[in-house]
C-alpha atoms as a PDB file:
ATOM      1  CA  UNK A   1      42.380   3.605-147.780  1.00  0.00           C
ATOM      2  CA  UNK A   2      45.164   5.120-145.745  1.00  0.00           C
ATOM      3  CA  UNK A   3      44.621   6.587-142.278  1.00  0.00           C
ATOM      4  CA  UNK A   4      46.508   9.138-140.509  1.00  0.00           C
ATOM      5  CA  UNK A   5      47.832   6.104-138.246  1.00  0.00           C
ATOM      6  CA  UNK A   6      48.788   4.418-141.163  1.00  0.00           C
ATOM      7  CA  UNK A   7      50.939   7.200-142.577  1.00  0.00           C
ATOM      8  CA  UNK A   8      51.704   8.302-146.106  1.00  0.00           C
ATOM      9  CA  UNK A   9      53.105   4.818-146.864  1.00  0.00           C
ATOM     10  CA  UNK A  10      50.427   2.797-145.693  1.00  0.00           C
ATOM     11  CA  UNK A  11      50.302   0.213-142.940  1.00  0.00           C
ATOM     12  CA  UNK A  12      53.823  -1.416-143.203  1.00  0.00           C
ATOM     13  CA  UNK A  13      55.209   2.041-143.389  1.00  0.00           C
ATOM     14  CA  UNK A  14      57.493   1.214-146.557  1.00  0.00           C
ATOM     15  CA  UNK A  15      57.506   0.685-150.358  1.00  0.00           C
ATOM     16  CA  UNK A  16      59.849  -1.823-151.985  1.00  0.00           C
ATOM     17  CA  UNK A  17      61.716  -2.506-154.132  1.00  0.00           C
ATOM     18  CA  UNK A  18      61.996   0.632-156.273  1.00  0.00           C
ATOM     19  CA  UNK A  19      64.558   0.586-159.010  1.00  0.00           C
ATOM     20  CA  UNK A  20      67.190   3.812-158.935  1.00  0.00           C
ATOM     21  CA  UNK A  21      69.986   2.159-161.094  1.00  0.00           C
ATOM     22  CA  UNK A  22      70.744  -0.765-163.169  1.00  0.00           C
ATOM     23  CA  UNK A  23      72.177  -3.490-161.076  1.00  0.00           C
ATOM     24  CA  UNK A  24      75.494  -3.660-162.914  1.00  0.00           C
ATOM     25  CA  UNK A  25      75.954  -0.125-162.757  1.00  0.00           C
ATOM     26  CA  UNK A  26      75.678   0.058-159.055  1.00  0.00           C
ATOM     27  CA  UNK A  27      77.844  -2.905-158.590  1.00  0.00           C
ATOM     28  CA  UNK A  28      80.440  -1.040-160.551  1.00  0.00           C
ATOM     29  CA  UNK A  29      80.011   2.095-158.335  1.00  0.00           C
ATOM     30  CA  UNK A  30      80.449  -0.126-155.399  1.00  0.00           C
ATOM     31  CA  UNK A  31      83.657  -1.589-156.532  1.00  0.00           C
ATOM     32  CA  UNK A  32      84.966   1.970-157.116  1.00  0.00           C
ATOM     33  CA  UNK A  33      83.820   3.078-153.603  1.00  0.00           C
ATOM     34  CA  UNK A  34      85.528  -0.116-151.994  1.00  0.00           C
ATOM     35  CA  UNK A  35      88.808   0.891-153.811  1.00  0.00           C
ATOM     36  CA  UNK A  36      88.568   4.356-152.698  1.00  0.00           C
ATOM     37  CA  UNK A  37      87.620   3.654-148.972  1.00  0.00           C
ATOM     38  CA  UNK A  38      89.549   0.225-148.344  1.00  0.00           C
ATOM     39  CA  UNK A  39      92.767   1.750-146.915  1.00  0.00           C
ATOM     40  CA  UNK A  40      91.019   4.128-144.557  1.00  0.00           C
ATOM     41  CA  UNK A  41      88.282   1.763-143.666  1.00  0.00           C
ATOM     42  CA  UNK A  42      86.100   4.436-143.427  1.00  0.00           C
ATOM     43  CA  UNK A  43      82.245   3.495-142.545  1.00  0.00           C
ATOM     44  CA  UNK A  44      80.378   6.738-142.868  1.00  0.00           C
ATOM     45  CA  UNK A  45      80.638   9.153-145.762  1.00  0.00           C
ATOM     46  CA  UNK A  46      78.237  12.321-144.784  1.00  0.00           C
ATOM     47  CA  UNK A  47      76.192  14.046-147.681  1.00  0.00           C
ATOM     48  CA  UNK A  48      78.109  12.486-150.564  1.00  0.00           C
ATOM     49  CA  UNK A  49      75.094  14.031-152.784  1.00  0.00           C
ATOM     50  CA  UNK A  50      76.976  17.524-152.246  1.00  0.00           C
ATOM     51  CA  UNK A  51      80.421  16.308-153.578  1.00  0.00           C
ATOM     52  CA  UNK A  52      80.063  13.142-155.619  1.00  0.00           C
ATOM     53  CA  UNK A  53      78.390  13.066-159.202  1.00  0.00           C
ATOM     54  CA  UNK A  54      77.033   9.472-158.766  1.00  0.00           C
ATOM     55  CA  UNK A  55      75.059  10.500-155.431  1.00  0.00           C
ATOM     56  CA  UNK A  56      73.751  13.475-157.043  1.00  0.00           C
ATOM     57  CA  UNK A  57      72.252  11.176-159.741  1.00  0.00           C
ATOM     58  CA  UNK A  58      71.165   8.519-157.382  1.00  0.00           C
ATOM     59  CA  UNK A  59      68.988  10.978-155.178  1.00  0.00           C
ATOM     60  CA  UNK A  60      67.392  12.282-158.296  1.00  0.00           C
ATOM     61  CA  UNK A  61      66.716   8.960-160.259  1.00  0.00           C
ATOM     62  CA  UNK A  62      63.725   8.906-162.124  1.00  0.00           C
ATOM     63  CA  UNK A  63      61.869   6.062-160.502  1.00  0.00           C
ATOM     64  CA  UNK A  64      62.911   7.094-156.913  1.00  0.00           C
ATOM     65  CA  UNK A  65      62.035  10.689-157.344  1.00  0.00           C
ATOM     66  CA  UNK A  66      58.730   9.730-158.858  1.00  0.00           C
ATOM     67  CA  UNK A  67      57.915   7.409-155.552  1.00  0.00           C
ATOM     68  CA  UNK A  68      58.870  10.431-153.356  1.00  0.00           C
ATOM     69  CA  UNK A  69      56.826  12.813-155.369  1.00  0.00           C
ATOM     70  CA  UNK A  70      53.796  10.525-155.383  1.00  0.00           C
ATOM     71  CA  UNK A  71      53.792  10.867-151.428  1.00  0.00           C
ATOM     72  CA  UNK A  72      55.173  14.515-150.906  1.00  0.00           C
ATOM     73  CA  UNK A  73      54.023  16.400-154.071  1.00  0.00           C
ATOM     74  CA  UNK A  74      55.875  18.315-156.571  1.00  0.00           C
ATOM     75  CA  UNK A  75      58.141  20.185-154.523  1.00  0.00           C
ATOM     76  CA  UNK A  76      61.025  17.809-153.069  1.00  0.00           C
ATOM     77  CA  UNK A  77      64.468  18.399-151.653  1.00  0.00           C
ATOM     78  CA  UNK A  78      67.222  16.280-150.193  1.00  0.00           C
ATOM     79  CA  UNK A  79      67.668  17.299-146.452  1.00  0.00           C
ATOM     80  CA  UNK A  80      70.554  14.745-145.804  1.00  0.00           C
ATOM     81  CA  UNK A  81      72.428  11.616-147.081  1.00  0.00           C
ATOM     82  CA  UNK A  82      74.947   9.149-145.601  1.00  0.00           C
ATOM     83  CA  UNK A  83      76.940   6.576-147.216  1.00  0.00           C
ATOM     84  CA  UNK A  84      77.270   3.655-145.012  1.00  0.00           C
ATOM     85  CA  UNK A  85      79.876   0.895-145.663  1.00  0.00           C
ATOM     86  CA  UNK A  86      79.890  -2.318-143.850  1.00  0.00           C
ATOM     87  CA  UNK A  87      83.435  -3.916-144.107  1.00  0.00           C
ATOM     88  CA  UNK A  88      83.732  -7.659-143.759  1.00  0.00           C
ATOM     89  CA  UNK A  89      84.955  -8.960-140.276  1.00  0.00           C
ATOM     90  CA  UNK A  90      84.232  -5.392-138.664  1.00  0.00           C
ATOM     91  CA  UNK A  91      81.427  -5.322-135.957  1.00  0.00           C
ATOM     92  CA  UNK A  92      79.121  -2.722-137.186  1.00  0.00           C
ATOM     93  CA  UNK A  93      75.297  -2.852-136.127  1.00  0.00           C
ATOM     94  CA  UNK A  94      73.064  -0.070-136.514  1.00  0.00           C
ATOM     95  CA  UNK A  95      70.686   0.052-133.700  1.00  0.00           C
ATOM     96  CA  UNK A  96      66.785   0.427-133.743  1.00  0.00           C
ATOM     97  CA  UNK A  97      65.975   4.121-134.840  1.00  0.00           C
ATOM     98  CA  UNK A  98      63.722   6.468-136.870  1.00  0.00           C
ATOM     99  CA  UNK A  99      65.092   8.506-139.842  1.00  0.00           C
ATOM    100  CA  UNK A 100      63.039  11.464-139.046  1.00  0.00           C
ATOM    101  CA  UNK A 101      63.924  12.303-135.465  1.00  0.00           C
ATOM    102  CA  UNK A 102      67.185  12.552-133.687  1.00  0.00           C
ATOM    103  CA  UNK A 103      69.110  14.479-130.990  1.00  0.00           C
ATOM    104  CA  UNK A 104      69.147  17.688-133.200  1.00  0.00           C
ATOM    105  CA  UNK A 105      66.507  16.721-136.229  1.00  0.00           C
ATOM    106  CA  UNK A 106      62.767  16.430-136.438  1.00  0.00           C
ATOM    107  CA  UNK A 107      60.996  16.129-139.801  1.00  0.00           C
ATOM    108  CA  UNK A 108      57.143  16.255-140.073  1.00  0.00           C
ATOM    109  CA  UNK A 109      56.057  12.659-140.690  1.00  0.00           C
ATOM    110  CA  UNK A 110      53.573  13.676-143.403  1.00  0.00           C
ATOM    111  CA  UNK A 111      55.880  15.752-145.298  1.00  0.00           C
ATOM    112  CA  UNK A 112      58.962  13.564-145.465  1.00  0.00           C
ATOM    113  CA  UNK A 113      60.250  10.277-146.259  1.00  0.00           C
ATOM    114  CA  UNK A 114      63.633   8.575-146.126  1.00  0.00           C
ATOM    115  CA  UNK A 115      65.040   5.991-148.725  1.00  0.00           C
ATOM    116  CA  UNK A 116      67.728   3.336-148.464  1.00  0.00           C
ATOM    117  CA  UNK A 117      69.552   2.713-151.719  1.00  0.00           C
ATOM    118  CA  UNK A 118      71.350  -0.687-152.267  1.00  0.00           C
ATOM    119  CA  UNK A 119      74.805   0.010-154.008  1.00  0.00           C
ATOM    120  CA  UNK A 120      75.714  -3.576-153.461  1.00  0.00           C
ATOM    121  CA  UNK A 121      73.436  -6.416-153.053  1.00  0.00           C
ATOM    122  CA  UNK A 122      71.954  -6.304-149.460  1.00  0.00           C
ATOM    123  CA  UNK A 123      71.377  -9.548-147.668  1.00  0.00           C
ATOM    124  CA  UNK A 124      70.660 -10.822-144.430  1.00  0.00           C
ATOM    125  CA  UNK A 125      74.462 -12.176-144.235  1.00  0.00           C
ATOM    126  CA  UNK A 126      75.870  -8.884-144.815  1.00  0.00           C
ATOM    127  CA  UNK A 127      73.742  -6.672-143.011  1.00  0.00           C
ATOM    128  CA  UNK A 128      70.586  -5.482-144.697  1.00  0.00           C
ATOM    129  CA  UNK A 129      68.055  -3.636-143.227  1.00  0.00           C
ATOM    130  CA  UNK A 130      65.623  -5.118-140.714  1.00  0.00           C
ATOM    131  CA  UNK A 131      62.337  -3.231-140.314  1.00  0.00           C
ATOM    132  CA  UNK A 132      59.364  -3.329-137.635  1.00  0.00           C
ATOM    133  CA  UNK A 133      56.261  -3.125-139.956  1.00  0.00           C
ATOM    134  CA  UNK A 134      53.671  -0.814-138.623  1.00  0.00           C
ATOM    135  CA  UNK A 135      55.913   0.704-136.113  1.00  0.00           C
ATOM    136  CA  UNK A 136      55.306   4.313-137.546  1.00  0.00           C
ATOM    137  CA  UNK A 137      51.681   4.062-136.300  1.00  0.00           C
ATOM    138  CA  UNK A 138      53.279   4.629-132.582  1.00  0.00           C
ATOM    139  CA  UNK A 139      54.774   8.034-133.687  1.00  0.00           C
ATOM    140  CA  UNK A 140      58.143   9.287-132.875  1.00  0.00           C
ATOM    141  CA  UNK A 141      59.714   7.621-129.922  1.00  0.00           C
ATOM    142  CA  UNK A 142      61.985   9.034-127.323  1.00  0.00           C
ATOM    143  CA  UNK A 143      65.769   9.250-128.624  1.00  0.00           C
ATOM    144  CA  UNK A 144      68.863   8.276-126.871  1.00  0.00           C
ATOM    145  CA  UNK A 145      72.754   7.702-127.828  1.00  0.00           C
ATOM    146  CA  UNK A 146      73.685   3.956-128.220  1.00  0.00           C
ATOM    147  CA  UNK A 147      76.377   2.744-125.992  1.00  0.00           C
ATOM    148  CA  UNK A 148      79.800   3.462-126.723  1.00  0.00           C
ATOM    149  CA  UNK A 149      81.192   1.626-129.548  1.00  0.00           C
ATOM    150  CA  UNK A 150      84.752   2.424-129.934  1.00  0.00           C
ATOM    151  CA  UNK A 151      84.147   2.996-133.599  1.00  0.00           C
ATOM    152  CA  UNK A 152      85.270   6.373-135.423  1.00  0.00           C
ATOM    153  CA  UNK A 153      81.913   6.586-136.508  1.00  0.00           C
ATOM    154  CA  UNK A 154      80.803   7.705-133.077  1.00  0.00           C
ATOM    155  CA  UNK A 155      77.554   7.105-131.324  1.00  0.00           C
ATOM    156  CA  UNK A 156      74.353   6.675-133.253  1.00  0.00           C
ATOM    157  CA  UNK A 157      70.820   7.960-132.079  1.00  0.00           C
ATOM    158  CA  UNK A 158      68.534   5.038-131.365  1.00  0.00           C
ATOM    159  CA  UNK A 159      64.924   4.594-130.260  1.00  0.00           C
ATOM    160  CA  UNK A 160      64.835   4.525-126.235  1.00  0.00           C
ATOM    161  CA  UNK A 161      63.684   1.055-125.061  1.00  0.00           C
ATOM    162  CA  UNK A 162      62.262  -0.077-128.267  1.00  0.00           C
ATOM    163  CA  UNK A 163      61.300  -3.726-128.451  1.00  0.00           C
ATOM    164  CA  UNK A 164      59.757  -5.030-131.949  1.00  0.00           C
ATOM    165  CA  UNK A 165      56.927  -7.279-131.926  1.00  0.00           C
ATOM    166  CA  UNK A 166      57.377  -8.313-135.502  1.00  0.00           C
ATOM    167  CA  UNK A 167      60.302  -7.734-137.646  1.00  0.00           C
ATOM    168  CA  UNK A 168      60.953  -8.559-141.347  1.00  0.00           C
ATOM    169  CA  UNK A 169      64.541  -8.380-143.204  1.00  0.00           C
ATOM    170  CA  UNK A 170      64.486  -6.189-146.354  1.00  0.00           C
ATOM    171  CA  UNK A 171      67.256  -7.743-148.840  1.00  0.00           C
ATOM    172  CA  UNK A 172      67.735  -5.782-151.908  1.00  0.00           C
ATOM    173  CA  UNK A 173      69.558  -6.088-155.337  1.00  0.00           C
ATOM    174  CA  UNK A 174      72.133  -3.632-156.075  1.00  0.00           C
ATOM    175  CA  UNK A 175      70.283  -0.737-157.778  1.00  0.00           C
ATOM    176  CA  UNK A 176      67.127  -1.167-155.876  1.00  0.00           C
ATOM    177  CA  UNK A 177      65.788   0.986-153.054  1.00  0.00           C
ATOM    178  CA  UNK A 178      63.096   0.933-150.177  1.00  0.00           C
ATOM    179  CA  UNK A 179      61.217   3.959-149.436  1.00  0.00           C
ATOM    180  CA  UNK A 180      60.097   4.440-145.680  1.00  0.00           C
ATOM    181  CA  UNK A 181      57.766   6.478-143.308  1.00  0.00           C
ATOM    182  CA  UNK A 182      60.173   8.860-141.548  1.00  0.00           C
ATOM    183  CA  UNK A 183      58.812   7.173-138.223  1.00  0.00           C
ATOM    184  CA  UNK A 184      59.237   3.406-139.349  1.00  0.00           C
ATOM    185  CA  UNK A 185      61.692   1.827-136.646  1.00  0.00           C
ATOM    186  CA  UNK A 186      64.582  -0.113-138.550  1.00  0.00           C
ATOM    187  CA  UNK A 187      68.086  -1.289-137.971  1.00  0.00           C
ATOM    188  CA  UNK A 188      70.846  -3.404-139.688  1.00  0.00           C
ATOM    189  CA  UNK A 189      73.163  -6.022-138.340  1.00  0.00           C
ATOM    190  CA  UNK A 190      76.770  -6.598-138.787  1.00  0.00           C
ATOM    191  CA  UNK A 191      78.103  -7.740-142.170  1.00  0.00           C
ATOM    192  CA  UNK A 192      79.247 -11.542-141.822  1.00  0.00           C
ATOM    193  CA  UNK A 193      79.884 -12.014-145.400  1.00  0.00           C
ATOM    194  CA  UNK A 194      83.254 -11.961-147.325  1.00  0.00           C
ATOM    195  CA  UNK A 195      82.549  -8.613-149.333  1.00  0.00           C
ATOM    196  CA  UNK A 196      81.823  -5.051-148.206  1.00  0.00           C
ATOM    197  CA  UNK A 197      77.900  -3.994-148.118  1.00  0.00           C
ATOM    198  CA  UNK A 198      77.291  -0.362-149.216  1.00  0.00           C
ATOM    199  CA  UNK A 199      74.153   1.550-149.057  1.00  0.00           C
ATOM    200  CA  UNK A 200      72.940   5.203-149.347  1.00  0.00           C
ATOM    201  CA  UNK A 201      70.470   6.636-146.948  1.00  0.00           C
ATOM    202  CA  UNK A 202      68.547   9.712-148.311  1.00  0.00           C
ATOM    203  CA  UNK A 203      66.070  11.942-146.218  1.00  0.00           C
ATOM    204  CA  UNK A 204      63.672  13.773-148.424  1.00  0.00           C
ATOM    205  CA  UNK A 205      61.464  16.668-147.379  1.00  0.00           C
ATOM    206  CA  UNK A 206      58.712  18.798-148.702  1.00  0.00           C
ATOM    207  CA  UNK A 207      59.129  22.750-148.053  1.00  0.00           C
ATOM    208  CA  UNK A 208      57.286  22.727-144.774  1.00  0.00           C
ATOM    209  CA  UNK A 209      58.739  19.345-143.730  1.00  0.00           C
ATOM    210  CA  UNK A 210      61.590  20.385-141.371  1.00  0.00           C
ATOM    211  CA  UNK A 211      60.238  20.791-137.837  1.00  0.00           C
ATOM    212  CA  UNK A 212      63.556  20.980-136.010  1.00  0.00           C
ATOM    213  CA  UNK A 213      67.217  21.169-137.665  1.00  0.00           C
ATOM    214  CA  UNK A 214      70.758  21.589-136.549  1.00  0.00           C
ATOM    215  CA  UNK A 215      71.773  25.005-137.886  1.00  0.00           C
ATOM    216  CA  UNK A 216      75.206  23.821-138.578  1.00  0.00           C
ATOM    217  CA  UNK A 217      73.879  21.402-140.976  1.00  0.00           C
ATOM    218  CA  UNK A 218      74.240  21.929-144.913  1.00  0.00           C
ATOM    219  CA  UNK A 219      71.494  23.503-146.640  1.00  0.00           C
ATOM    220  CA  UNK A 220      68.701  21.444-148.046  1.00  0.00           C
ATOM    221  CA  UNK A 221      69.074  20.718-151.730  1.00  0.00           C
ATOM    222  CA  UNK A 222      65.902  21.236-153.777  1.00  0.00           C
ATOM    223  CA  UNK A 223      65.668  18.528-156.549  1.00  0.00           C
ATOM    224  CA  UNK A 224      61.963  19.024-157.973  1.00  0.00           C
ATOM    225  CA  UNK A 225      59.437  21.732-158.083  1.00  0.00           C
ATOM    226  CA  UNK A 226      59.069  25.459-157.871  1.00  0.00           C
ATOM    227  CA  UNK A 227      57.770  25.949-154.326  1.00  0.00           C
ATOM    228  CA  UNK A 228      61.263  26.775-152.814  1.00  0.00           C
END
């Protein structure tokens, strides 16, 4: 039996793997993205679900959407997406953080979830997710900006002073995803492999799931249900 402390995804705070695409199709898309962004070396693409057909499909993929609806109910919207490209040879660590809270954001932990979709294979060598299972039980943590990185992507929000007791890597085949409690603390390391690592992060919310949000952010995009 789940408890309020556990959260809507249970004691580990996550569910994985969930298939959002055939692996070959995901890797084919990854090759196109690498070709598109190789010259610029762009690492972060904000809200590609608003402009790219493949990303619009990805956030609506049947297996993933079914898993989201199972915990949030029939009315689901996409609040935000980030495409993250970790290039080989580039120092790019994402610090410990929670997807449901930031300097300008807070999502209701019982009415929102996040998903991380592997577009390439995600491995320990190329910077797959690392999570602190059960960390959602502590609730939202204070937020601060990471130290200056010198990268064009800017400074990320991080969980202030977080030191995990236990962590596990979450390797995923291309085309698979992990669904996470909005309070689950996670990070990812630098890509030390020979190829790019690409992932799509998605924040999903029910109609009453947004507690605080930057008014300049793009409008949420309903993708399921009639309660909008």
